């Protein structure tokens, strides 16, 4: 019985650990994407339908300010 309890607690800890690192890696990826967006020149931004003002505004946003579908785990 105690083995089952310990295994369950270990599984919960692993799950929490994976969720934590998943959040960290998604935040890093989002920050990188926003930084790359801000580095595009005006011609490239026009190609994707984004103004310089919009790109800079997006790049200034904090990583926790993201659409839910942007931060959903894909793994």
Foldseek 3Di string as FASTA:
>chain_A
DVVVVVVVVVVVVVVVVVVVVLQVVLLVVLLVVLVVLQPDDQVVCVVVPHGNVRSVVSNPDHSVPDDPVSSDDPD
